Amino acid sequence: MAKAISNFALILAALCMLGALGSVFVGMIRAGHGGVDGLRRGNQMMWWRVRLQVLAVGLAAVWYFLKGA
């Protein structure tokens, strides 16, 4: 059971990393449109990047601790 949860955490961590990478590109594109609205949307996407990175690190830690169980 722990192995299944470990694998699931690893898959979710990888998806979060891909989501963080995608949000970087989307945030740069949105910020590049200029204006206050574009900058606001770009900043919002960068906050999503931070959240996804924190989640990915947490899931990677869960995977690391469960892989030996």
PDB file of N, CA and C in Angstrom:
ATOM      1  N   MET A   1       0.821  -1.198   0.000  1.00  0.00           N
ATOM      2  CA  MET A   1       0.000   0.000   0.000  1.00  0.00           C
ATOM      3  C   MET A   1       0.866   1.264   0.000  1.00  0.00           C
ATOM      4  N   ALA A   2       1.951   1.237   0.780  1.00  0.00           N
ATOM      5  CA  ALA A   2       2.825   2.404   0.840  1.00  0.00           C
ATOM      6  C   ALA A   2       3.508   2.635  -0.502  1.00  0.00           C
ATOM      7  N   LYS A   3       3.803   1.530  -1.208  1.00  0.00           N
ATOM      8  CA  LYS A   3       4.446   1.667  -2.524  1.00  0.00           C
ATOM      9  C   LYS A   3       3.505   2.338  -3.513  1.00  0.00           C
ATOM     10  N   ALA A   4       2.224   2.004  -3.460  1.00  0.00           N
ATOM     11  CA  ALA A   4       1.248   2.616  -4.364  1.00  0.00           C
ATOM     12  C   ALA A   4       1.106   4.110  -4.066  1.00  0.00           C
ATOM     13  N   ILE A   5       1.067   4.474  -2.801  1.00  0.00           N
ATOM     14  CA  ILE A   5       0.974   5.882  -2.426  1.00  0.00           C
ATOM     15  C   ILE A   5       2.249   6.615  -2.830  1.00  0.00           C
ATOM     16  N   SER A   6       3.391   5.933  -2.671  1.00  0.00           N
ATOM     17  CA  SER A   6       4.669   6.525  -3.057  1.00  0.00           C
ATOM     18  C   SER A   6       4.692   6.818  -4.556  1.00  0.00           C
ATOM     19  N   ASN A   7       4.261   5.877  -5.355  1.00  0.00           N
ATOM     20  CA  ASN A   7       4.226   6.076  -6.809  1.00  0.00           C
ATOM     21  C   ASN A   7       3.243   7.176  -7.200  1.00  0.00           C
ATOM     22  N   PHE A   8       2.107   7.222  -6.523  1.00  0.00           N
ATOM     23  CA  PHE A   8       1.100   8.247  -6.783  1.00  0.00           C
ATOM     24  C   PHE A   8       1.656   9.631  -6.448  1.00  0.00           C
ATOM     25  N   ALA A   9       2.375   9.741  -5.331  1.00  0.00           N
ATOM     26  CA  ALA A   9       2.983  11.019  -4.949  1.00  0.00           C
ATOM     27  C   ALA A   9       4.032  11.439  -5.969  1.00  0.00           C
ATOM     28  N   LEU A  10       4.785  10.496  -6.484  1.00  0.00           N
ATOM     29  CA  LEU A  10       5.797  10.805  -7.494  1.00  0.00           C
ATOM     30  C   LEU A  10       5.155  11.310  -8.780  1.00  0.00           C
ATOM     31  N   ILE A  11       4.080  10.682  -9.196  1.00  0.00           N
ATOM     32  CA  ILE A  11       3.377  11.111 -10.409  1.00  0.00           C
ATOM     33  C   ILE A  11       2.784  12.500 -10.218  1.00  0.00           C
ATOM     34  N   LEU A  12       2.166  12.746  -9.058  1.00  0.00           N
ATOM     35  CA  LEU A  12       1.611  14.067  -8.792  1.00  0.00           C
ATOM     36  C   LEU A  12       2.702  15.133  -8.729  1.00  0.00           C
ATOM     37  N   ALA A  13       3.846  14.792  -8.147  1.00  0.00           N
ATOM     38  CA  ALA A  13       4.960  15.740  -8.088  1.00  0.00           C
ATOM     39  C   ALA A  13       5.433  16.090  -9.496  1.00  0.00           C
ATOM     40  N   ALA A  14       5.520  15.096 -10.359  1.00  0.00           N
ATOM     41  CA  ALA A  14       5.941  15.352 -11.746  1.00  0.00           C
ATOM     42  C   ALA A  14       4.926  16.234 -12.469  1.00  0.00           C
ATOM     43  N   LEU A  15       3.649  16.002 -12.241  1.00  0.00           N
ATOM     44  CA  LEU A  15       2.622  16.835 -12.866  1.00  0.00           C
ATOM     45  C   LEU A  15       2.679  18.268 -12.345  1.00  0.00           C
ATOM     46  N   CYS A  16       2.948  18.432 -11.051  1.00  0.00           N
ATOM     47  CA  CYS A  16       3.096  19.776 -10.486  1.00  0.00           C
ATOM     48  C   CYS A  16       4.295  20.493 -11.081  1.00  0.00           C
ATOM     49  N   MET A  17       5.370  19.753 -11.312  1.00  0.00           N
ATOM     50  CA  MET A  17       6.551  20.371 -11.925  1.00  0.00           C
ATOM     51  C   MET A  17       6.257  20.817 -13.350  1.00  0.00           C
ATOM     52  N   LEU A  18       5.544  19.998 -14.085  1.00  0.00           N
ATOM     53  CA  LEU A  18       5.166  20.390 -15.445  1.00  0.00           C
ATOM     54  C   LEU A  18       4.213  21.582 -15.428  1.00  0.00           C
ATOM     55  N   GLY A  19       3.301  21.591 -14.467  1.00  0.00           N
ATOM     56  CA  GLY A  19       2.394  22.731 -14.328  1.00  0.00           C
ATOM     57  C   GLY A  19       3.130  24.008 -13.981  1.00  0.00           C
ATOM     58  N   ALA A  20       4.138  23.898 -13.125  1.00  0.00           N
ATOM     59  CA  ALA A  20       4.942  25.073 -12.774  1.00  0.00           C
ATOM     60  C   ALA A  20       5.690  25.590 -13.990  1.00  0.00           C
ATOM     61  N   LEU A  21       6.234  24.694 -14.782  1.00  0.00           N
ATOM     62  CA  LEU A  21       6.938  25.097 -15.993  1.00  0.00           C
ATOM     63  C   LEU A  21       5.989  25.773 -16.979  1.00  0.00           C
ATOM     64  N   GLY A  22       4.811  25.210 -17.118  1.00  0.00           N
ATOM     65  CA  GLY A  22       3.813  25.813 -18.006  1.00  0.00           C
ATOM     66  C   GLY A  22       3.363  27.179 -17.527  1.00  0.00           C
ATOM     67  N   SER A  23       3.217  27.335 -16.214  1.00  0.00           N
ATOM     68  CA  SER A  23       2.769  28.629 -15.694  1.00  0.00           C
ATOM     69  C   SER A  23       3.833  29.703 -15.875  1.00  0.00           C
ATOM     70  N   VAL A  24       5.108  29.316 -15.905  1.00  0.00           N
ATOM     71  CA  VAL A  24       6.169  30.294 -16.181  1.00  0.00           C
ATOM     72  C   VAL A  24       5.980  30.869 -17.580  1.00  0.00           C
ATOM     73  N   PHE A  25       5.772  30.010 -18.558  1.00  0.00           N
ATOM     74  CA  PHE A  25       5.614  30.475 -19.927  1.00  0.00           C
ATOM     75  C   PHE A  25       4.338  31.282 -20.112  1.00  0.00           C
ATOM     76  N   VAL A  26       3.248  30.814 -19.537  1.00  0.00           N
ATOM     77  CA  VAL A  26       1.989  31.546 -19.653  1.00  0.00           C
ATOM     78  C   VAL A  26       2.105  32.897 -18.955  1.00  0.00           C
ATOM     79  N   GLY A  27       2.757  32.929 -17.801  1.00  0.00           N
ATOM     80  CA  GLY A  27       2.932  34.186 -17.085  1.00  0.00           C
ATOM     81  C   GLY A  27       3.773  35.184 -17.858  1.00  0.00           C
ATOM     82  N   MET A  28       4.826  34.705 -18.517  1.00  0.00           N
ATOM     83  CA  MET A  28       5.659  35.611 -19.317  1.00  0.00           C
ATOM     84  C   MET A  28       4.886  36.149 -20.518  1.00  0.00           C
ATOM     85  N   ILE A  29       4.080  35.296 -21.134  1.00  0.00           N
ATOM     86  CA  ILE A  29       3.294  35.738 -22.288  1.00  0.00           C
ATOM     87  C   ILE A  29       2.262  36.766 -21.858  1.00  0.00           C
ATOM     88  N   ARG A  30       1.587  36.486 -20.748  1.00  0.00           N
ATOM     89  CA  ARG A  30       0.569  37.431 -20.278  1.00  0.00           C
ATOM     90  C   ARG A  30       1.182  38.744 -19.837  1.00  0.00           C
ATOM     91  N   ALA A  31       2.330  38.709 -19.180  1.00  0.00           N
ATOM     92  CA  ALA A  31       2.990  39.938 -18.746  1.00  0.00           C
ATOM     93  C   ALA A  31       3.512  40.723 -19.943  1.00  0.00           C
ATOM     94  N   GLY A  32       3.836  40.028 -21.010  1.00  0.00           N
ATOM     95  CA  GLY A  32       4.364  40.685 -22.198  1.00  0.00           C
ATOM     96  C   GLY A  32       3.333  41.469 -22.982  1.00  0.00           C
ATOM     97  N   HIS A  33       2.061  41.238 -22.721  1.00  0.00           N
ATOM     98  CA  HIS A  33       1.030  41.978 -23.441  1.00  0.00           C
ATOM     99  C   HIS A  33       0.961  43.431 -22.999  1.00  0.00           C
ATOM    100  N   GLY A  34       1.570  43.711 -21.862  1.00  0.00           N
ATOM    101  CA  GLY A  34       1.636  45.096 -21.403  1.00  0.00           C
ATOM    102  C   GLY A  34       0.374  45.548 -20.716  1.00  0.00           C
ATOM    103  N   GLY A  35       0.437  46.743 -20.226  1.00  0.00           N
ATOM    104  CA  GLY A  35      -0.705  47.302 -19.523  1.00  0.00           C
ATOM    105  C   GLY A  35      -0.807  46.749 -18.111  1.00  0.00           C
ATOM    106  N   VAL A  36      -1.643  47.384 -17.347  1.00  0.00           N
ATOM    107  CA  VAL A  36      -1.815  46.978 -15.957  1.00  0.00           C
ATOM    108  C   VAL A  36      -2.465  45.603 -15.878  1.00  0.00           C
ATOM    109  N   ASP A  37      -3.429  45.355 -16.750  1.00  0.00           N
ATOM    110  CA  ASP A  37      -4.130  44.074 -16.720  1.00  0.00           C
ATOM    111  C   ASP A  37      -3.191  42.927 -17.085  1.00  0.00           C
ATOM    112  N   GLY A  38      -2.330  43.116 -18.072  1.00  0.00           N
ATOM    113  CA  GLY A  38      -1.380  42.080 -18.463  1.00  0.00           C
ATOM    114  C   GLY A  38      -0.385  41.791 -17.362  1.00  0.00           C
ATOM    115  N   LEU A  39       0.091  42.838 -16.706  1.00  0.00           N
ATOM    116  CA  LEU A  39       1.036  42.636 -15.605  1.00  0.00           C
ATOM    117  C   LEU A  39       0.371  41.932 -14.430  1.00  0.00           C
ATOM    118  N   ARG A  40      -0.871  42.284 -14.158  1.00  0.00           N
ATOM    119  CA  ARG A  40      -1.604  41.649 -13.059  1.00  0.00           C
ATOM    120  C   ARG A  40      -1.808  40.151 -13.335  1.00  0.00           C
ATOM    121  N   ARG A  41      -2.179  39.840 -14.548  1.00  0.00           N
ATOM    122  CA  ARG A  41      -2.377  38.427 -14.901  1.00  0.00           C
ATOM    123  C   ARG A  41      -1.063  37.651 -14.901  1.00  0.00           C
ATOM    124  N   GLY A  42       0.002  38.301 -15.365  1.00  0.00           N
ATOM    125  CA  GLY A  42       1.313  37.653 -15.333  1.00  0.00           C
ATOM    126  C   GLY A  42       1.761  37.389 -13.903  1.00  0.00           C
ATOM    127  N   ASN A  43       1.538  38.349 -13.025  1.00  0.00           N
ATOM    128  CA  ASN A  43       1.892  38.174 -11.622  1.00  0.00           C
ATOM    129  C   ASN A  43       1.068  37.058 -10.982  1.00  0.00           C
ATOM    130  N   GLN A  44      -0.182  36.970 -11.362  1.00  0.00           N
ATOM    131  CA  GLN A  44      -1.052  35.912 -10.839  1.00  0.00           C
ATOM    132  C   GLN A  44      -0.531  34.530 -11.265  1.00  0.00           C
ATOM    133  N   MET A  45      -0.073  34.413 -12.490  1.00  0.00           N
ATOM    134  CA  MET A  45       0.465  33.133 -12.954  1.00  0.00           C
ATOM    135  C   MET A  45       1.773  32.799 -12.250  1.00  0.00           C
ATOM    136  N   MET A  46       2.568  33.801 -11.937  1.00  0.00           N
ATOM    137  CA  MET A  46       3.809  33.535 -11.217  1.00  0.00           C
ATOM    138  C   MET A  46       3.513  33.058  -9.792  1.00  0.00           C
ATOM    139  N   TRP A  47       2.452  33.557  -9.171  1.00  0.00           N
ATOM    140  CA  TRP A  47       2.067  33.034  -7.855  1.00  0.00           C
ATOM    141  C   TRP A  47       1.624  31.579  -7.951  1.00  0.00           C
ATOM    142  N   TRP A  48       0.947  31.237  -9.040  1.00  0.00           N
ATOM    143  CA  TRP A  48       0.582  29.833  -9.240  1.00  0.00           C
ATOM    144  C   TRP A  48       1.820  28.968  -9.394  1.00  0.00           C
ATOM    145  N   ARG A  49       2.865  29.505 -10.037  1.00  0.00           N
ATOM    146  CA  ARG A  49       4.112  28.778 -10.176  1.00  0.00           C
ATOM    147  C   ARG A  49       4.712  28.473  -8.809  1.00  0.00           C
ATOM    148  N   VAL A  50       4.705  29.456  -7.935  1.00  0.00           N
ATOM    149  CA  VAL A  50       5.255  29.260  -6.594  1.00  0.00           C
ATOM    150  C   VAL A  50       4.461  28.196  -5.839  1.00  0.00           C
ATOM    151  N   ARG A  51       3.158  28.264  -5.918  1.00  0.00           N
ATOM    152  CA  ARG A  51       2.312  27.280  -5.228  1.00  0.00           C
ATOM    153  C   ARG A  51       2.567  25.870  -5.750  1.00  0.00           C
ATOM    154  N   LEU A  52       2.664  25.736  -7.060  1.00  0.00           N
ATOM    155  CA  LEU A  52       2.901  24.418  -7.640  1.00  0.00           C
ATOM    156  C   LEU A  52       4.280  23.878  -7.276  1.00  0.00           C
ATOM    157  N   GLN A  53       5.267  24.767  -7.203  1.00  0.00           N
ATOM    158  CA  GLN A  53       6.603  24.320  -6.816  1.00  0.00           C
ATOM    159  C   GLN A  53       6.630  23.846  -5.369  1.00  0.00           C
ATOM    160  N   VAL A  54       5.953  24.557  -4.478  1.00  0.00           N
ATOM    161  CA  VAL A  54       5.892  24.137  -3.071  1.00  0.00           C
ATOM    162  C   VAL A  54       5.197  22.786  -2.967  1.00  0.00           C
ATOM    163  N   LEU A  55       4.107  22.620  -3.692  1.00  0.00           N
ATOM    164  CA  LEU A  55       3.391  21.344  -3.686  1.00  0.00           C
ATOM    165  C   LEU A  55       4.261  20.220  -4.239  1.00  0.00           C
ATOM    166  N   ALA A  56       5.013  20.495  -5.295  1.00  0.00           N
ATOM    167  CA  ALA A  56       5.888  19.482  -5.879  1.00  0.00           C
ATOM    168  C   ALA A  56       6.986  19.071  -4.902  1.00  0.00           C
ATOM    169  N   VAL A  57       7.562  20.026  -4.191  1.00  0.00           N
ATOM    170  CA  VAL A  57       8.596  19.698  -3.210  1.00  0.00           C
ATOM    171  C   VAL A  57       8.009  18.868  -2.074  1.00  0.00           C
ATOM    172  N   GLY A  58       6.821  19.233  -1.616  1.00  0.00           N
ATOM    173  CA  GLY A  58       6.157  18.451  -0.561  1.00  0.00           C
ATOM    174  C   GLY A  58       5.853  17.033  -1.006  1.00  0.00           C
ATOM    175  N   LEU A  59       5.364  16.878  -2.222  1.00  0.00           N
ATOM    176  CA  LEU A  59       5.065  15.535  -2.735  1.00  0.00           C
ATOM    177  C   LEU A  59       6.338  14.730  -2.959  1.00  0.00           C
ATOM    178  N   ALA A  60       7.404  15.394  -3.368  1.00  0.00           N
ATOM    179  CA  ALA A  60       8.678  14.691  -3.527  1.00  0.00           C
ATOM    180  C   ALA A  60       9.190  14.205  -2.171  1.00  0.00           C
ATOM    181  N   ALA A  61       8.970  14.989  -1.125  1.00  0.00           N
ATOM    182  CA  ALA A  61       9.363  14.568   0.222  1.00  0.00           C
ATOM    183  C   ALA A  61       8.527  13.371   0.679  1.00  0.00           C
ATOM    184  N   VAL A  62       7.231  13.411   0.385  1.00  0.00           N
ATOM    185  CA  VAL A  62       6.363  12.260   0.726  1.00  0.00           C
ATOM    186  C   VAL A  62       6.847  11.020  -0.017  1.00  0.00           C
ATOM    187  N   TRP A  63       7.158  11.163  -1.286  1.00  0.00           N
ATOM    188  CA  TRP A  63       7.662  10.035  -2.068  1.00  0.00           C
ATOM    189  C   TRP A  63       8.946   9.496  -1.472  1.00  0.00           C
ATOM    190  N   TYR A  64       9.859  10.390  -1.083  1.00  0.00           N
ATOM    191  CA  TYR A  64      11.148   9.968  -0.550  1.00  0.00           C
ATOM    192  C   TYR A  64      10.974   9.172   0.750  1.00  0.00           C
ATOM    193  N   PHE A  65      10.104   9.628   1.627  1.00  0.00           N
ATOM    194  CA  PHE A  65       9.926   8.956   2.901  1.00  0.00           C
ATOM    195  C   PHE A  65       9.138   7.653   2.761  1.00  0.00           C
ATOM    196  N   LEU A  66       8.273   7.566   1.757  1.00  0.00           N
ATOM    197  CA  LEU A  66       7.474   6.348   1.585  1.00  0.00           C
ATOM    198  C   LEU A  66       8.152   5.293   0.705  1.00  0.00           C
ATOM    199  N   LYS A  67       9.134   5.683  -0.082  1.00  0.00           N
ATOM    200  CA  LYS A  67       9.735   4.720  -0.998  1.00  0.00           C
ATOM    201  C   LYS A  67      10.499   3.624  -0.240  1.00  0.00           C
ATOM    202  N   GLY A  68      10.986   3.932   0.957  1.00  0.00           N
ATOM    203  CA  GLY A  68      11.696   2.932   1.740  1.00  0.00           C
ATOM    204  C   GLY A  68      10.790   2.080   2.596  1.00  0.00           C
ATOM    205  N   ALA A  69       9.514   2.463   2.691  1.00  0.00           N
ATOM    206  CA  ALA A  69       8.581   1.715   3.556  1.00  0.00           C
ATOM    207  C   ALA A  69       8.147   0.417   2.920  1.00  0.00           C
TER     208      ALA A  69
END
